[in-house]
């Protein structure tokens, strides 16, 4: 469900970066996250939730790479807002504010519904069993 939108965010985000910040690149850092990895992030204090949008394939983390090939770690760098703004125009949530109040500048997720609403929908519309 999220993949076509994320591909568009990447393509349009890269075009915007090319125009505004020549030589910079946007790359996917993470889309689907296993429960094991989520639990590790929770234990390390990197998240405050046990189940999140990544476990459902409805979120993506991205990285900005500068013209010298160096990962830009500062999420407040304006290049993150360029890509995030593209995502927002395509219906994604950006910026996402984490429960402890810090913006997660390298994260976008599907919009239009809450995770609880999506979980409820999934229960009513189970995926077919694999053959």
N, C-alpha and C. Protein backbone atom coordinates (compact mmCIF):
# COMPACT_ATOMS: atom_id res chain seq x y z
N UNK A 1 0.82 -1.19 0.00
CA UNK A 1 0.00 0.00 0.00
C UNK A 1 0.87 1.26 0.00
N UNK A 2 1.91 1.30 0.77
CA UNK A 2 2.74 2.49 0.91
C UNK A 2 3.79 2.60 -0.19
N UNK A 3 4.19 1.46 -0.76
CA UNK A 3 5.31 1.44 -1.69
C UNK A 3 5.14 2.39 -2.87
N UNK A 4 4.01 2.43 -3.57
CA UNK A 4 3.90 3.36 -4.71
C UNK A 4 4.04 4.81 -4.28
N UNK A 5 3.50 5.16 -3.13
CA UNK A 5 3.61 6.53 -2.65
C UNK A 5 5.07 6.84 -2.30
N UNK A 6 5.73 5.88 -1.64
CA UNK A 6 7.12 6.12 -1.25
C UNK A 6 8.01 6.28 -2.48
N UNK A 7 7.77 5.49 -3.50
CA UNK A 7 8.55 5.64 -4.74
C UNK A 7 8.36 7.04 -5.32
N UNK A 8 7.16 7.55 -5.26
CA UNK A 8 6.88 8.90 -5.76
C UNK A 8 7.56 9.94 -4.89
N UNK A 9 7.53 9.75 -3.56
CA UNK A 9 8.23 10.68 -2.66
C UNK A 9 9.72 10.72 -3.01
N UNK A 10 10.31 9.55 -3.22
CA UNK A 10 11.73 9.50 -3.57
C UNK A 10 12.01 10.23 -4.89
N UNK A 11 11.23 9.94 -5.91
CA UNK A 11 11.46 10.54 -7.22
C UNK A 11 11.25 12.06 -7.19
N UNK A 12 10.11 12.49 -6.63
CA UNK A 12 9.81 13.92 -6.58
C UNK A 12 10.75 14.64 -5.60
N UNK A 13 11.09 13.96 -4.50
CA UNK A 13 12.01 14.54 -3.53
C UNK A 13 13.39 14.73 -4.13
N UNK A 14 13.84 13.76 -4.91
CA UNK A 14 15.14 13.88 -5.55
C UNK A 14 15.13 15.02 -6.57
N UNK A 15 14.05 15.15 -7.32
CA UNK A 15 13.95 16.24 -8.30
C UNK A 15 14.01 17.60 -7.59
N UNK A 16 13.32 17.71 -6.46
CA UNK A 16 13.35 18.97 -5.70
C UNK A 16 14.74 19.24 -5.14
N UNK A 17 15.40 18.20 -4.63
CA UNK A 17 16.77 18.37 -4.13
C UNK A 17 17.70 18.79 -5.27
N UNK A 18 17.55 18.19 -6.44
CA UNK A 18 18.39 18.54 -7.58
C UNK A 18 18.25 20.03 -7.91
N UNK A 19 17.03 20.54 -7.80
CA UNK A 19 16.79 21.95 -8.12
C UNK A 19 17.27 22.89 -7.02
N UNK A 20 17.06 22.48 -5.76
CA UNK A 20 17.34 23.39 -4.64
C UNK A 20 18.70 23.17 -3.99
N UNK A 21 19.17 21.95 -4.02
CA UNK A 21 20.43 21.58 -3.35
C UNK A 21 21.20 20.62 -4.26
N UNK A 22 21.73 21.11 -5.38
CA UNK A 22 22.39 20.24 -6.35
C UNK A 22 23.47 19.36 -5.71
N UNK A 23 23.47 18.10 -6.12
CA UNK A 23 24.46 17.14 -5.63
C UNK A 23 24.00 16.35 -4.42
N UNK A 24 22.94 16.80 -3.75
CA UNK A 24 22.42 16.06 -2.60
C UNK A 24 21.53 14.92 -3.08
N UNK A 25 21.46 13.87 -2.29
CA UNK A 25 20.66 12.69 -2.64
C UNK A 25 19.75 12.32 -1.48
N UNK A 26 18.61 11.73 -1.80
CA UNK A 26 17.74 11.14 -0.80
C UNK A 26 17.76 9.64 -1.03
N UNK A 27 17.92 8.88 0.05
CA UNK A 27 17.95 7.42 -0.02
C UNK A 27 17.04 6.84 1.06
N UNK A 28 16.52 5.68 0.79
CA UNK A 28 15.70 4.98 1.77
C UNK A 28 16.61 4.36 2.82
N UNK A 29 16.29 4.60 4.08
CA UNK A 29 17.04 3.99 5.18
C UNK A 29 16.32 2.75 5.70
N UNK A 30 14.99 2.85 5.82
CA UNK A 30 14.23 1.72 6.36
C UNK A 30 12.77 1.89 5.99
N UNK A 31 12.14 0.78 5.64
CA UNK A 31 10.69 0.78 5.43
C UNK A 31 10.10 -0.20 6.44
N UNK A 32 9.97 -1.47 6.07
CA UNK A 32 9.45 -2.45 7.01
C UNK A 32 10.45 -2.69 8.14
N UNK A 33 9.93 -2.78 9.34
CA UNK A 33 10.77 -3.09 10.51
C UNK A 33 10.15 -4.28 11.23
N UNK A 34 10.96 -5.28 11.50
CA UNK A 34 10.46 -6.46 12.21
C UNK A 34 10.15 -6.10 13.67
N UNK A 35 9.34 -6.94 14.29
CA UNK A 35 9.03 -6.72 15.70
C UNK A 35 10.29 -6.82 16.54
N UNK A 36 11.19 -7.73 16.17
CA UNK A 36 12.45 -7.88 16.90
C UNK A 36 13.25 -6.57 16.86
N UNK A 37 13.35 -5.96 15.68
CA UNK A 37 14.07 -4.69 15.57
C UNK A 37 13.36 -3.57 16.32
N UNK A 38 12.04 -3.57 16.29
CA UNK A 38 11.28 -2.55 17.03
C UNK A 38 11.54 -2.70 18.52
N UNK A 39 11.57 -3.95 19.00
CA UNK A 39 11.84 -4.20 20.42
C UNK A 39 13.24 -3.72 20.80
N UNK A 40 14.22 -3.92 19.90
CA UNK A 40 15.58 -3.43 20.16
C UNK A 40 15.60 -1.91 20.24
N UNK A 41 14.89 -1.24 19.32
CA UNK A 41 14.82 0.22 19.35
C UNK A 41 14.14 0.71 20.63
N UNK A 42 13.13 0.00 21.07
CA UNK A 42 12.43 0.35 22.31
C UNK A 42 13.38 0.21 23.50
N UNK A 43 14.11 -0.88 23.57
CA UNK A 43 15.05 -1.11 24.67
C UNK A 43 16.17 -0.07 24.67
N UNK A 44 16.56 0.39 23.48
CA UNK A 44 17.64 1.39 23.37
C UNK A 44 17.13 2.81 23.57
N UNK A 45 15.82 2.97 23.76
CA UNK A 45 15.26 4.31 23.96
C UNK A 45 15.10 5.10 22.68
N UNK A 46 15.17 4.43 21.52
CA UNK A 46 15.03 5.11 20.24
C UNK A 46 13.57 5.32 19.84
N UNK A 47 12.68 4.60 20.50
CA UNK A 47 11.25 4.74 20.28
C UNK A 47 10.54 4.53 21.61
N UNK A 48 9.32 4.98 21.65
CA UNK A 48 8.51 4.78 22.86
C UNK A 48 7.33 3.85 22.60
N UNK A 49 7.27 3.27 21.40
CA UNK A 49 6.15 2.40 21.06
C UNK A 49 6.64 0.99 20.74
N UNK A 50 5.82 0.03 21.15
CA UNK A 50 6.16 -1.37 20.88
C UNK A 50 5.74 -1.78 19.47
N UNK A 51 4.65 -1.21 19.00
CA UNK A 51 4.16 -1.48 17.65
C UNK A 51 3.97 -0.14 16.97
N UNK A 52 4.50 -0.02 15.76
CA UNK A 52 4.40 1.24 15.05
C UNK A 52 4.11 1.04 13.57
N UNK A 53 4.12 2.13 12.86
CA UNK A 53 3.78 2.15 11.43
C UNK A 53 4.71 1.29 10.60
N UNK A 54 5.98 1.18 11.00
CA UNK A 54 6.94 0.39 10.24
C UNK A 54 6.56 -1.09 10.20
N UNK A 55 5.97 -1.62 11.28
CA UNK A 55 5.62 -3.04 11.32
C UNK A 55 4.54 -3.38 10.30
N UNK A 56 3.83 -2.38 9.83
CA UNK A 56 2.77 -2.60 8.84
C UNK A 56 3.18 -2.14 7.45
N UNK A 57 4.43 -1.75 7.29
CA UNK A 57 4.90 -1.30 5.99
C UNK A 57 4.30 0.02 5.57
N UNK A 58 3.89 0.85 6.54
CA UNK A 58 3.21 2.11 6.25
C UNK A 58 4.07 3.32 6.59
N UNK A 59 5.37 3.12 6.76
CA UNK A 59 6.27 4.21 7.10
C UNK A 59 7.61 3.98 6.42
N UNK A 60 8.35 5.06 6.30
CA UNK A 60 9.70 4.97 5.75
C UNK A 60 10.59 5.99 6.44
N UNK A 61 11.81 5.59 6.68
CA UNK A 61 12.84 6.52 7.15
C UNK A 61 13.76 6.77 5.97
N UNK A 62 14.23 7.99 5.84
CA UNK A 62 15.11 8.32 4.74
C UNK A 62 16.33 9.06 5.24
N UNK A 63 17.33 9.13 4.40
CA UNK A 63 18.57 9.82 4.73
C UNK A 63 18.89 10.80 3.60
N UNK A 64 19.50 11.89 3.97
CA UNK A 64 20.03 12.84 3.00
C UNK A 64 21.53 12.62 2.94
N UNK A 65 22.03 12.52 1.73
CA UNK A 65 23.46 12.37 1.49
C UNK A 65 23.94 13.66 0.81
N UNK A 66 24.97 14.28 1.38
CA UNK A 66 25.44 15.56 0.82
C UNK A 66 26.26 15.32 -0.45
N UNK A 67 26.62 16.40 -1.16
CA UNK A 67 27.36 16.24 -2.42
C UNK A 67 28.70 15.51 -2.30
N UNK A 68 29.25 15.45 -1.09
CA UNK A 68 30.50 14.72 -0.88
C UNK A 68 30.28 13.25 -0.53
N UNK A 69 29.00 12.83 -0.48
CA UNK A 69 28.69 11.44 -0.15
C UNK A 69 28.56 11.17 1.33
N UNK A 70 28.45 12.22 2.13
CA UNK A 70 28.37 12.08 3.59
C UNK A 70 26.91 12.16 4.04
N UNK A 71 26.52 11.21 4.90
CA UNK A 71 25.17 11.19 5.48
C UNK A 71 24.99 12.42 6.36
N UNK A 72 23.92 13.18 6.11
CA UNK A 72 23.60 14.38 6.89
C UNK A 72 22.78 13.92 8.09
N UNK A 73 23.40 13.95 9.28
CA UNK A 73 22.74 13.44 10.48
C UNK A 73 21.79 14.45 11.12
N UNK A 74 21.97 15.72 10.86
CA UNK A 74 21.14 16.76 11.47
C UNK A 74 19.79 16.83 10.78
N UNK A 75 18.77 16.29 11.43
CA UNK A 75 17.43 16.29 10.84
C UNK A 75 16.85 17.66 10.62
N UNK A 76 17.40 18.68 11.28
CA UNK A 76 16.92 20.05 11.07
C UNK A 76 17.50 20.67 9.79
N UNK A 77 18.40 19.96 9.12
CA UNK A 77 18.93 20.43 7.84
C UNK A 77 17.75 20.62 6.89
N UNK A 78 17.70 21.74 6.18
CA UNK A 78 16.53 22.04 5.33
C UNK A 78 16.27 21.02 4.23
N UNK A 79 17.23 20.23 3.88
CA UNK A 79 17.00 19.22 2.84
C UNK A 79 16.01 18.15 3.30
N UNK A 80 15.96 17.88 4.61
CA UNK A 80 14.96 16.94 5.11
C UNK A 80 13.55 17.50 4.91
N UNK A 81 13.39 18.79 5.15
CA UNK A 81 12.07 19.42 4.98
C UNK A 81 11.65 19.43 3.51
N UNK A 82 12.62 19.53 2.59
CA UNK A 82 12.29 19.48 1.17
C UNK A 82 11.61 18.15 0.84
N UNK A 83 12.24 17.05 1.23
CA UNK A 83 11.68 15.72 0.95
C UNK A 83 10.41 15.49 1.76
N UNK A 84 10.43 15.88 3.03
CA UNK A 84 9.24 15.73 3.87
C UNK A 84 8.06 16.50 3.34
N UNK A 85 8.31 17.68 2.80
CA UNK A 85 7.24 18.49 2.22
C UNK A 85 6.61 17.81 1.02
N UNK A 86 7.42 17.15 0.22
CA UNK A 86 6.90 16.37 -0.91
C UNK A 86 5.99 15.26 -0.38
N UNK A 87 6.45 14.55 0.64
CA UNK A 87 5.65 13.48 1.24
C UNK A 87 4.32 14.01 1.74
N UNK A 88 4.34 15.16 2.42
CA UNK A 88 3.11 15.75 2.95
C UNK A 88 2.14 16.09 1.81
N UNK A 89 2.67 16.62 0.71
CA UNK A 89 1.81 16.95 -0.43
C UNK A 89 1.16 15.71 -1.03
N UNK A 90 1.81 14.55 -0.85
CA UNK A 90 1.28 13.29 -1.36
C UNK A 90 0.40 12.57 -0.34
N UNK A 91 0.08 13.23 0.78
CA UNK A 91 -0.84 12.68 1.76
C UNK A 91 -0.22 11.98 2.94
N UNK A 92 1.09 12.04 3.05
CA UNK A 92 1.77 11.41 4.19
C UNK A 92 1.85 12.39 5.37
N UNK A 93 2.07 11.85 6.54
CA UNK A 93 2.32 12.68 7.71
C UNK A 93 3.79 13.07 7.75
N UNK A 94 4.04 14.39 7.84
CA UNK A 94 5.39 14.91 8.00
C UNK A 94 5.27 16.36 8.46
N UNK A 95 6.02 16.80 9.44
CA UNK A 95 6.90 15.97 10.27
C UNK A 95 6.09 15.20 11.30
N UNK A 96 6.59 14.06 11.68
CA UNK A 96 5.98 13.27 12.74
C UNK A 96 6.63 13.70 14.04
N UNK A 97 5.80 14.04 15.02
CA UNK A 97 6.30 14.43 16.34
C UNK A 97 6.21 13.20 17.24
N UNK A 98 7.34 12.79 17.75
CA UNK A 98 7.39 11.62 18.62
C UNK A 98 6.71 11.91 19.95
N UNK A 99 6.35 10.87 20.68
CA UNK A 99 5.59 11.04 21.92
C UNK A 99 6.34 11.85 22.97
N UNK A 100 7.67 11.91 22.89
CA UNK A 100 8.41 12.73 23.85
C UNK A 100 8.63 14.14 23.30
N UNK A 101 7.96 14.51 22.21
CA UNK A 101 7.95 15.87 21.72
C UNK A 101 8.99 16.22 20.68
N UNK A 102 9.90 15.31 20.37
CA UNK A 102 10.95 15.59 19.39
C UNK A 102 10.47 15.23 17.99
N UNK A 103 10.68 16.14 17.02
CA UNK A 103 10.32 15.80 15.64
C UNK A 103 11.22 14.70 15.10
N UNK A 104 10.64 13.82 14.32
CA UNK A 104 11.39 12.75 13.66
C UNK A 104 11.51 13.15 12.19
N UNK A 105 12.53 13.96 11.90
CA UNK A 105 12.64 14.60 10.59
C UNK A 105 12.93 13.64 9.44
N UNK A 106 13.42 12.45 9.73
CA UNK A 106 13.74 11.53 8.64
C UNK A 106 12.69 10.42 8.50
N UNK A 107 11.49 10.67 8.98
CA UNK A 107 10.43 9.67 9.00
C UNK A 107 9.16 10.24 8.37
N UNK A 108 8.55 9.46 7.47
CA UNK A 108 7.23 9.79 6.94
C UNK A 108 6.35 8.55 7.09
N UNK A 109 5.06 8.79 7.22
CA UNK A 109 4.14 7.66 7.35
C UNK A 109 2.83 8.00 6.66
N UNK A 110 2.06 6.95 6.38
CA UNK A 110 0.78 7.14 5.70
C UNK A 110 -0.11 8.07 6.51
N UNK A 111 -0.96 8.78 5.82
CA UNK A 111 -1.90 9.68 6.46
C UNK A 111 -3.33 9.23 6.20
N UNK A 112 -4.27 9.91 6.84
CA UNK A 112 -5.68 9.65 6.60
C UNK A 112 -6.33 8.68 7.57
N UNK A 113 -5.56 8.05 8.42
CA UNK A 113 -6.10 7.12 9.39
C UNK A 113 -5.08 6.91 10.50
N UNK A 114 -5.57 6.43 11.63
CA UNK A 114 -4.67 6.13 12.74
C UNK A 114 -4.23 4.67 12.64
N UNK A 115 -3.20 4.34 13.37
CA UNK A 115 -2.74 2.96 13.38
C UNK A 115 -3.81 2.04 13.97
N UNK A 116 -4.53 2.50 14.97
CA UNK A 116 -5.61 1.70 15.57
C UNK A 116 -6.71 1.45 14.54
N UNK A 117 -7.05 2.47 13.75
CA UNK A 117 -8.05 2.29 12.70
C UNK A 117 -7.57 1.25 11.68
N UNK A 118 -6.31 1.30 11.33
CA UNK A 118 -5.76 0.35 10.37
C UNK A 118 -5.78 -1.07 10.94
N UNK A 119 -5.40 -1.22 12.21
CA UNK A 119 -5.42 -2.53 12.84
C UNK A 119 -6.85 -3.09 12.87
N UNK A 120 -7.82 -2.23 13.17
CA UNK A 120 -9.23 -2.65 13.19
C UNK A 120 -9.66 -3.10 11.80
N UNK A 121 -9.26 -2.34 10.77
CA UNK A 121 -9.59 -2.71 9.40
C UNK A 121 -8.98 -4.05 9.04
N UNK A 122 -7.72 -4.27 9.43
CA UNK A 122 -7.06 -5.54 9.13
C UNK A 122 -7.78 -6.73 9.78
N UNK A 123 -8.29 -6.54 10.99
CA UNK A 123 -9.02 -7.62 11.66
C UNK A 123 -10.29 -7.97 10.89
N UNK A 124 -10.94 -6.96 10.33
CA UNK A 124 -12.18 -7.18 9.57
C UNK A 124 -11.90 -7.68 8.16
N UNK A 125 -10.70 -7.50 7.67
CA UNK A 125 -10.32 -7.89 6.31
C UNK A 125 -9.02 -8.70 6.35
N UNK A 126 -9.07 -9.90 6.90
CA UNK A 126 -7.84 -10.69 7.03
C UNK A 126 -7.24 -11.02 5.67
N UNK A 127 -5.93 -11.07 5.66
CA UNK A 127 -5.22 -11.46 4.45
C UNK A 127 -5.45 -12.94 4.18
N UNK A 128 -5.54 -13.33 2.91
CA UNK A 128 -5.73 -14.76 2.62
C UNK A 128 -4.52 -15.56 3.07
N UNK A 129 -4.79 -16.79 3.45
CA UNK A 129 -3.71 -17.70 3.86
C UNK A 129 -2.84 -18.02 2.65
N UNK A 130 -1.56 -18.13 2.88
CA UNK A 130 -0.63 -18.50 1.81
C UNK A 130 -0.89 -19.96 1.42
N UNK A 131 -0.80 -20.22 0.14
CA UNK A 131 -1.06 -21.58 -0.35
C UNK A 131 0.13 -22.49 -0.10
